[in-house]
Amino acid sequence: MPGWALRLLPGLVAIILGAMAFVAVLDGVRENDDLATLDEPALRALVAVRGPALTATMRAISLVTGPTVLPFLVAIGAVVWGLRRREWWRPLLLVGAMIGSAALGLALKGLVARPRPPVGTMDVPGLETTASFPSGHTLGTATLLLVCGYLVIRNRPTRARVIGWAAASVLGTTAVAVSRLYLGYHFLTDVVAAMALAVAVLGVVMLIDARHVARLVAGASGGPAGAVREPDD
């Protein structure tokens, strides 16, 4: 297999796997089978264990990862990253991925038009009025953790760094997903579908980044004028 194809393969695999998982979950939602059969039981189980301290924690997680706070944190983080590292490709790619995933999530919400869980199960009844599928909080968090982790470790992908990135992505995304279920704003399939979409978004980022790196290498091989070296992490 040619070298350029090998560089594109991981991104293509991520896109295919993410898209396949999303379609499978969506099919279950439409047919009310497979994973969708756990939607109601999972919602009831989490609502049943609500308590003051746990609810306060889940509210905080949901607030920080919501559409008001998270974009602000990402923007500030991207600016700090660019200034400290004196490079803008990776911060801007992260911002682009976040904007793209948010737009994709909103478009799919409109197309699927799945109602939210019953108002009576919501922590604050009527707080969430948009469609339910997929979960925007989960999609945003998963995209942030997956893409940021990839961009940070891709120059030196040691086993420890890859494992740490995977663990942080899984734990962080799971915490947000559970908070949305616990607070009664989403079903289980909403958050799982969002996770699958985030994997596909990561694949797109990997393809774009691989193309960028290939252009840098091609430019560097053409002489000093094209030589560009990205900073190590």
C-alpha atoms as a PDB file:
ATOM      1  CA  MET A   1       0.000   0.000   0.000  1.00  0.00           C
ATOM      2  CA  PRO A   2       1.410   3.452  -0.928  1.00  0.00           C
ATOM      3  CA  GLY A   3       2.647   5.696   1.896  1.00  0.00           C
ATOM      4  CA  TRP A   4      -0.022   8.333   1.304  1.00  0.00           C
ATOM      5  CA  ALA A   5      -2.746   5.699   1.585  1.00  0.00           C
ATOM      6  CA  LEU A   6      -1.346   4.452   4.880  1.00  0.00           C
ATOM      7  CA  ARG A   7      -1.467   7.973   6.281  1.00  0.00           C
ATOM      8  CA  LEU A   8      -5.126   8.293   5.323  1.00  0.00           C
ATOM      9  CA  LEU A   9      -6.198   4.844   6.517  1.00  0.00           C
ATOM     10  CA  PRO A  10      -6.706   5.613  10.251  1.00  0.00           C
ATOM     11  CA  GLY A  11      -8.954   8.557   9.452  1.00  0.00           C
ATOM     12  CA  LEU A  12     -10.991   6.578   6.950  1.00  0.00           C
ATOM     13  CA  VAL A  13     -11.428   3.731   9.443  1.00  0.00           C
ATOM     14  CA  ALA A  14     -12.624   6.157  12.132  1.00  0.00           C
ATOM     15  CA  ILE A  15     -15.142   7.744   9.755  1.00  0.00           C
ATOM     16  CA  ILE A  16     -16.515   4.389   8.633  1.00  0.00           C
ATOM     17  CA  LEU A  17     -16.772   2.936  12.136  1.00  0.00           C
ATOM     18  CA  GLY A  18     -18.355   6.083  13.550  1.00  0.00           C
ATOM     19  CA  ALA A  19     -20.861   6.367  10.719  1.00  0.00           C
ATOM     20  CA  MET A  20     -21.790   2.682  10.923  1.00  0.00           C
ATOM     21  CA  ALA A  21     -22.341   2.877  14.671  1.00  0.00           C
ATOM     22  CA  PHE A  22     -24.466   6.019  14.307  1.00  0.00           C
ATOM     23  CA  VAL A  23     -26.643   4.458  11.601  1.00  0.00           C
ATOM     24  CA  ALA A  24     -27.091   1.325  13.698  1.00  0.00           C
ATOM     25  CA  VAL A  25     -28.249   3.349  16.711  1.00  0.00           C
ATOM     26  CA  LEU A  26     -30.554   5.493  14.572  1.00  0.00           C
ATOM     27  CA  ASP A  27     -32.099   2.377  13.050  1.00  0.00           C
ATOM     28  CA  GLY A  28     -32.780   1.054  16.539  1.00  0.00           C
ATOM     29  CA  VAL A  29     -34.442   4.323  17.494  1.00  0.00           C
ATOM     30  CA  ARG A  30     -36.664   4.301  14.415  1.00  0.00           C
ATOM     31  CA  GLU A  31     -37.595   0.640  14.839  1.00  0.00           C
ATOM     32  CA  ASN A  32     -37.718   0.832  18.651  1.00  0.00           C
ATOM     33  CA  ASP A  33     -35.476  -2.205  19.015  1.00  0.00           C
ATOM     34  CA  ASP A  34     -31.875  -3.139  19.800  1.00  0.00           C
ATOM     35  CA  LEU A  35     -30.244  -0.518  22.061  1.00  0.00           C
ATOM     36  CA  ALA A  36     -33.387   1.611  22.042  1.00  0.00           C
ATOM     37  CA  THR A  37     -35.134  -0.963  24.208  1.00  0.00           C
ATOM     38  CA  LEU A  38     -32.882   0.206  27.067  1.00  0.00           C
ATOM     39  CA  ASP A  39     -33.826   3.876  26.736  1.00  0.00           C
ATOM     40  CA  GLU A  40     -36.723   3.884  29.167  1.00  0.00           C
ATOM     41  CA  PRO A  41     -35.182   1.502  31.760  1.00  0.00           C
ATOM     42  CA  ALA A  42     -31.910   3.474  31.830  1.00  0.00           C
ATOM     43  CA  LEU A  43     -33.773   6.763  32.223  1.00  0.00           C
ATOM     44  CA  ARG A  44     -35.945   5.446  35.054  1.00  0.00           C
ATOM     45  CA  ALA A  45     -32.994   3.889  36.863  1.00  0.00           C
ATOM     46  CA  LEU A  46     -30.967   7.096  36.913  1.00  0.00           C
ATOM     47  CA  VAL A  47     -33.892   9.320  37.820  1.00  0.00           C
ATOM     48  CA  ALA A  48     -34.616   6.991  40.735  1.00  0.00           C
ATOM     49  CA  VAL A  49     -31.203   7.541  42.355  1.00  0.00           C
ATOM     50  CA  ARG A  50     -31.273  11.337  42.346  1.00  0.00           C
ATOM     51  CA  GLY A  51     -30.013  13.081  45.447  1.00  0.00           C
ATOM     52  CA  PRO A  52     -29.068  16.679  46.312  1.00  0.00           C
ATOM     53  CA  ALA A  53     -25.280  16.290  46.168  1.00  0.00           C
ATOM     54  CA  LEU A  54     -25.268  14.117  43.066  1.00  0.00           C
ATOM     55  CA  THR A  55     -27.741  16.378  41.309  1.00  0.00           C
ATOM     56  CA  ALA A  56     -25.570  19.427  42.024  1.00  0.00           C
ATOM     57  CA  THR A  57     -22.554  17.610  40.551  1.00  0.00           C
ATOM     58  CA  MET A  58     -24.431  16.549  37.435  1.00  0.00           C
ATOM     59  CA  ARG A  59     -25.788  20.057  36.945  1.00  0.00           C
ATOM     60  CA  ALA A  60     -22.257  21.456  37.109  1.00  0.00           C
ATOM     61  CA  ILE A  61     -20.962  18.944  34.558  1.00  0.00           C
ATOM     62  CA  SER A  62     -23.870  19.690  32.240  1.00  0.00           C
ATOM     63  CA  LEU A  63     -23.390  23.452  32.578  1.00  0.00           C
ATOM     64  CA  VAL A  64     -19.653  23.414  31.808  1.00  0.00           C
ATOM     65  CA  THR A  65     -20.100  21.187  28.748  1.00  0.00           C
ATOM     66  CA  GLY A  66     -23.139  23.022  27.392  1.00  0.00           C
ATOM     67  CA  PRO A  67     -23.473  25.399  24.427  1.00  0.00           C
ATOM     68  CA  THR A  68     -22.934  28.488  26.568  1.00  0.00           C
ATOM     69  CA  VAL A  69     -19.747  27.665  28.486  1.00  0.00           C
ATOM     70  CA  LEU A  70     -17.911  25.063  26.391  1.00  0.00           C
ATOM     71  CA  PRO A  71     -17.447  27.190  23.219  1.00  0.00           C
ATOM     72  CA  PHE A  72     -16.008  29.999  25.357  1.00  0.00           C
ATOM     73  CA  LEU A  73     -13.561  27.621  27.044  1.00  0.00           C
ATOM     74  CA  VAL A  74     -12.507  26.125  23.703  1.00  0.00           C
ATOM     75  CA  ALA A  75     -11.934  29.566  22.178  1.00  0.00           C
ATOM     76  CA  ILE A  76      -9.808  30.719  25.121  1.00  0.00           C
ATOM     77  CA  GLY A  77      -7.888  27.443  25.135  1.00  0.00           C
ATOM     78  CA  ALA A  78      -7.192  27.664  21.396  1.00  0.00           C
ATOM     79  CA  VAL A  79      -5.834  31.207  21.706  1.00  0.00           C
ATOM     80  CA  VAL A  80      -3.600  30.269  24.632  1.00  0.00           C
ATOM     81  CA  TRP A  81      -2.415  27.164  22.769  1.00  0.00           C
ATOM     82  CA  GLY A  82      -1.550  29.158  19.667  1.00  0.00           C
ATOM     83  CA  LEU A  83       0.298  31.881  21.560  1.00  0.00           C
ATOM     84  CA  ARG A  84       2.261  29.528  23.803  1.00  0.00           C
ATOM     85  CA  ARG A  85       3.237  27.077  21.051  1.00  0.00           C
ATOM     86  CA  ARG A  86       3.556  29.746  18.342  1.00  0.00           C
ATOM     87  CA  GLU A  87       1.557  27.698  15.870  1.00  0.00           C
ATOM     88  CA  TRP A  88      -2.064  27.950  14.773  1.00  0.00           C
ATOM     89  CA  TRP A  89      -2.790  24.908  12.637  1.00  0.00           C
ATOM     90  CA  ARG A  90      -3.755  22.558  15.449  1.00  0.00           C
ATOM     91  CA  PRO A  91      -5.732  25.099  17.550  1.00  0.00           C
ATOM     92  CA  LEU A  92      -7.679  26.209  14.486  1.00  0.00           C
ATOM     93  CA  LEU A  93      -8.284  22.608  13.450  1.00  0.00           C
ATOM     94  CA  LEU A  94      -9.710  21.917  16.905  1.00  0.00           C
ATOM     95  CA  VAL A  95     -11.981  24.962  16.701  1.00  0.00           C
ATOM     96  CA  GLY A  96     -13.097  23.900  13.224  1.00  0.00           C
ATOM     97  CA  ALA A  97     -13.893  20.408  14.472  1.00  0.00           C
ATOM     98  CA  MET A  98     -15.985  21.815  17.319  1.00  0.00           C
ATOM     99  CA  ILE A  99     -17.922  24.109  14.988  1.00  0.00           C
ATOM    100  CA  GLY A 100     -18.411  21.316  12.472  1.00  0.00           C
ATOM    101  CA  SER A 101     -19.625  18.813  15.059  1.00  0.00           C
ATOM    102  CA  ALA A 102     -22.047  21.357  16.531  1.00  0.00           C
ATOM    103  CA  ALA A 103     -23.485  22.135  13.096  1.00  0.00           C
ATOM    104  CA  LEU A 104     -23.754  18.423  12.300  1.00  0.00           C
ATOM    105  CA  GLY A 105     -25.518  17.739  15.584  1.00  0.00           C
ATOM    106  CA  LEU A 106     -28.044  20.523  15.039  1.00  0.00           C
ATOM    107  CA  ALA A 107     -28.742  19.367  11.488  1.00  0.00           C
ATOM    108  CA  LEU A 108     -29.346  15.803  12.626  1.00  0.00           C
ATOM    109  CA  LYS A 109     -31.592  16.974  15.463  1.00  0.00           C
ATOM    110  CA  GLY A 110     -33.745  18.700  12.884  1.00  0.00           C
ATOM    111  CA  LEU A 111     -33.813  15.721  10.538  1.00  0.00           C
ATOM    112  CA  VAL A 112     -34.549  13.055  13.143  1.00  0.00           C
ATOM    113  CA  ALA A 113     -36.824  15.316  15.224  1.00  0.00           C
ATOM    114  CA  ARG A 114     -36.958  12.977  18.187  1.00  0.00           C
ATOM    115  CA  PRO A 115     -38.894  14.323  21.193  1.00  0.00           C
ATOM    116  CA  ARG A 116     -37.123  14.756  24.514  1.00  0.00           C
ATOM    117  CA  PRO A 117     -37.909  12.468  27.442  1.00  0.00           C
ATOM    118  CA  PRO A 118     -41.133  13.311  29.297  1.00  0.00           C
ATOM    119  CA  VAL A 119     -41.054  16.715  30.992  1.00  0.00           C
ATOM    120  CA  GLY A 120     -41.783  15.044  34.310  1.00  0.00           C
ATOM    121  CA  THR A 121     -38.423  13.263  34.254  1.00  0.00           C
ATOM    122  CA  MET A 122     -36.409  16.450  33.626  1.00  0.00           C
ATOM    123  CA  ASP A 123     -34.504  17.951  36.528  1.00  0.00           C
ATOM    124  CA  VAL A 124     -35.806  21.359  35.444  1.00  0.00           C
ATOM    125  CA  PRO A 125     -39.056  20.701  33.526  1.00  0.00           C
ATOM    126  CA  GLY A 126     -39.110  22.367  30.130  1.00  0.00           C
ATOM    127  CA  LEU A 127     -35.488  23.561  30.267  1.00  0.00           C
ATOM    128  CA  GLU A 128     -34.513  21.682  27.094  1.00  0.00           C
ATOM    129  CA  THR A 129     -36.803  22.374  24.149  1.00  0.00           C
ATOM    130  CA  THR A 130     -34.744  21.281  21.118  1.00  0.00           C
ATOM    131  CA  ALA A 131     -34.897  17.784  19.635  1.00  0.00           C
ATOM    132  CA  SER A 132     -33.258  14.986  21.573  1.00  0.00           C
ATOM    133  CA  PHE A 133     -31.225  12.955  19.059  1.00  0.00           C
ATOM    134  CA  PRO A 134     -28.219  13.192  19.218  1.00  0.00           C
ATOM    135  CA  SER A 135     -27.022  14.718  22.495  1.00  0.00           C
ATOM    136  CA  GLY A 136     -25.227  17.998  21.801  1.00  0.00           C
ATOM    137  CA  HIS A 137     -23.445  18.042  25.169  1.00  0.00           C
ATOM    138  CA  THR A 138     -22.074  14.546  24.607  1.00  0.00           C
ATOM    139  CA  LEU A 139     -21.096  15.242  21.010  1.00  0.00           C
ATOM    140  CA  GLY A 140     -19.257  18.433  21.940  1.00  0.00           C
ATOM    141  CA  THR A 141     -17.382  16.855  24.833  1.00  0.00           C
ATOM    142  CA  ALA A 142     -16.417  13.723  22.918  1.00  0.00           C
ATOM    143  CA  THR A 143     -15.245  15.779  19.942  1.00  0.00           C
ATOM    144  CA  LEU A 144     -13.166  18.034  22.177  1.00  0.00           C
ATOM    145  CA  LEU A 145     -11.482  15.186  24.029  1.00  0.00           C
ATOM    146  CA  LEU A 146     -10.871  12.984  20.986  1.00  0.00           C
ATOM    147  CA  VAL A 147      -9.627  15.709  18.643  1.00  0.00           C
ATOM    148  CA  CYS A 148      -7.588  17.605  21.217  1.00  0.00           C
ATOM    149  CA  GLY A 149      -5.968  14.396  22.406  1.00  0.00           C
ATOM    150  CA  TYR A 150      -5.133  13.325  18.876  1.00  0.00           C
ATOM    151  CA  LEU A 151      -3.608  16.691  17.955  1.00  0.00           C
ATOM    152  CA  VAL A 152      -1.514  16.798  21.118  1.00  0.00           C
ATOM    153  CA  ILE A 153      -0.047  13.297  20.939  1.00  0.00           C
ATOM    154  CA  ARG A 154       0.193  12.692  17.191  1.00  0.00           C
ATOM    155  CA  ASN A 155       3.829  13.828  16.978  1.00  0.00           C
ATOM    156  CA  ARG A 156       4.855  11.411  19.728  1.00  0.00           C
ATOM    157  CA  PRO A 157       2.226   8.658  19.992  1.00  0.00           C
ATOM    158  CA  THR A 158       3.786   6.582  22.777  1.00  0.00           C
ATOM    159  CA  ARG A 159       1.795   3.769  24.329  1.00  0.00           C
ATOM    160  CA  ALA A 160       1.384   5.649  27.609  1.00  0.00           C
ATOM    161  CA  ARG A 161       0.136   8.783  25.864  1.00  0.00           C
ATOM    162  CA  VAL A 162      -2.323   6.873  23.668  1.00  0.00           C
ATOM    163  CA  ILE A 163      -3.700   4.946  26.650  1.00  0.00           C
ATOM    164  CA  GLY A 164      -3.970   8.144  28.684  1.00  0.00           C
ATOM    165  CA  TRP A 165      -5.747   9.917  25.817  1.00  0.00           C
ATOM    166  CA  ALA A 166      -8.187   7.032  25.353  1.00  0.00           C
ATOM    167  CA  ALA A 167      -8.910   6.777  29.073  1.00  0.00           C
ATOM    168  CA  ALA A 168      -9.483  10.522  29.450  1.00  0.00           C
ATOM    169  CA  SER A 169     -11.779  10.555  26.416  1.00  0.00           C
ATOM    170  CA  VAL A 170     -13.844   7.621  27.656  1.00  0.00           C
ATOM    171  CA  LEU A 171     -14.131   8.857  31.248  1.00  0.00           C
ATOM    172  CA  GLY A 172     -14.853  12.467  30.332  1.00  0.00           C
ATOM    173  CA  THR A 173     -17.430  11.613  27.696  1.00  0.00           C
ATOM    174  CA  THR A 174     -19.100   9.044  29.937  1.00  0.00           C
ATOM    175  CA  ALA A 175     -19.388  11.565  32.769  1.00  0.00           C
ATOM    176  CA  VAL A 176     -21.177  14.043  30.500  1.00  0.00           C
ATOM    177  CA  ALA A 177     -23.392  11.367  28.959  1.00  0.00           C
ATOM    178  CA  VAL A 178     -24.440  10.090  32.388  1.00  0.00           C
ATOM    179  CA  SER A 179     -25.167  13.654  33.534  1.00  0.00           C
ATOM    180  CA  ARG A 180     -27.563  14.159  30.621  1.00  0.00           C
ATOM    181  CA  LEU A 181     -29.359  10.891  31.371  1.00  0.00           C
ATOM    182  CA  TYR A 182     -29.410  11.525  35.103  1.00  0.00           C
ATOM    183  CA  LEU A 183     -30.926  14.982  34.630  1.00  0.00           C
ATOM    184  CA  GLY A 184     -33.596  13.486  32.358  1.00  0.00           C
ATOM    185  CA  TYR A 185     -32.772  15.451  29.210  1.00  0.00           C
ATOM    186  CA  HIS A 186     -31.759  12.555  26.961  1.00  0.00           C
ATOM    187  CA  PHE A 187     -32.193   8.864  26.278  1.00  0.00           C
ATOM    188  CA  LEU A 188     -29.359   6.347  26.219  1.00  0.00           C
ATOM    189  CA  THR A 189     -29.387   6.130  22.419  1.00  0.00           C
ATOM    190  CA  ASP A 190     -29.036   9.926  22.170  1.00  0.00           C
ATOM    191  CA  VAL A 191     -25.679   9.908  23.940  1.00  0.00           C
ATOM    192  CA  VAL A 192     -24.388   6.751  22.250  1.00  0.00           C
ATOM    193  CA  ALA A 193     -25.189   8.194  18.828  1.00  0.00           C
ATOM    194  CA  ALA A 194     -23.316  11.370  19.785  1.00  0.00           C
ATOM    195  CA  MET A 195     -20.247   9.336  20.734  1.00  0.00           C
ATOM    196  CA  ALA A 196     -20.336   7.574  17.367  1.00  0.00           C
ATOM    197  CA  LEU A 197     -20.565  10.907  15.541  1.00  0.00           C
ATOM    198  CA  ALA A 198     -17.571  12.220  17.478  1.00  0.00           C
ATOM    199  CA  VAL A 199     -15.489   9.264  16.277  1.00  0.00           C
ATOM    200  CA  ALA A 200     -16.465  10.099  12.693  1.00  0.00           C
ATOM    201  CA  VAL A 201     -15.548  13.758  13.243  1.00  0.00           C
ATOM    202  CA  LEU A 202     -12.187  12.637  14.599  1.00  0.00           C
ATOM    203  CA  GLY A 203     -11.690  10.661  11.385  1.00  0.00           C
ATOM    204  CA  VAL A 204     -12.333  13.763   9.292  1.00  0.00           C
ATOM    205  CA  VAL A 205      -9.823  15.721  11.385  1.00  0.00           C
ATOM    206  CA  MET A 206      -7.246  12.960  10.919  1.00  0.00           C
ATOM    207  CA  LEU A 207      -7.707  13.068   7.144  1.00  0.00           C
ATOM    208  CA  ILE A 208      -7.365  16.858   7.009  1.00  0.00           C
ATOM    209  CA  ASP A 209      -4.345  16.784   9.290  1.00  0.00           C
ATOM    210  CA  ALA A 210      -2.680  14.005   7.291  1.00  0.00           C
ATOM    211  CA  ARG A 211      -3.096  16.083   4.137  1.00  0.00           C
ATOM    212  CA  HIS A 212      -1.611  19.103   5.879  1.00  0.00           C
ATOM    213  CA  VAL A 213       1.395  17.141   7.117  1.00  0.00           C
ATOM    214  CA  ALA A 214       1.919  15.646   3.658  1.00  0.00           C
ATOM    215  CA  ARG A 215       2.013  19.140   2.165  1.00  0.00           C
ATOM    216  CA  LEU A 216       4.554  20.239   4.765  1.00  0.00           C
ATOM    217  CA  VAL A 217       6.754  17.265   3.981  1.00  0.00           C
ATOM    218  CA  ALA A 218       6.451  17.873   0.241  1.00  0.00           C
ATOM    219  CA  GLY A 219       7.319  21.529   0.745  1.00  0.00           C
ATOM    220  CA  ALA A 220      10.284  20.729   2.953  1.00  0.00           C
ATOM    221  CA  SER A 221      11.667  18.314   0.375  1.00  0.00           C
ATOM    222  CA  GLY A 222      11.521  21.053  -2.221  1.00  0.00           C
ATOM    223  CA  GLY A 223      14.057  23.223  -0.487  1.00  0.00           C
ATOM    224  CA  PRO A 224      14.621  25.590   2.455  1.00  0.00           C
ATOM    225  CA  ALA A 225      11.848  27.951   1.365  1.00  0.00           C
ATOM    226  CA  GLY A 226       9.250  25.223   1.919  1.00  0.00           C
ATOM    227  CA  ALA A 227      10.758  23.713   5.034  1.00  0.00           C
ATOM    228  CA  VAL A 228       8.234  23.913   7.865  1.00  0.00           C
ATOM    229  CA  ARG A 229       8.576  22.123  11.153  1.00  0.00           C
ATOM    230  CA  GLU A 230       5.734  21.753  13.622  1.00  0.00           C
ATOM    231  CA  PRO A 231       6.630  22.071  17.310  1.00  0.00           C
ATOM    232  CA  ASP A 232       6.903  18.905  19.371  1.00  0.00           C
ATOM    233  CA  ASP A 233       4.698  18.402  22.438  1.00  0.00           C
END
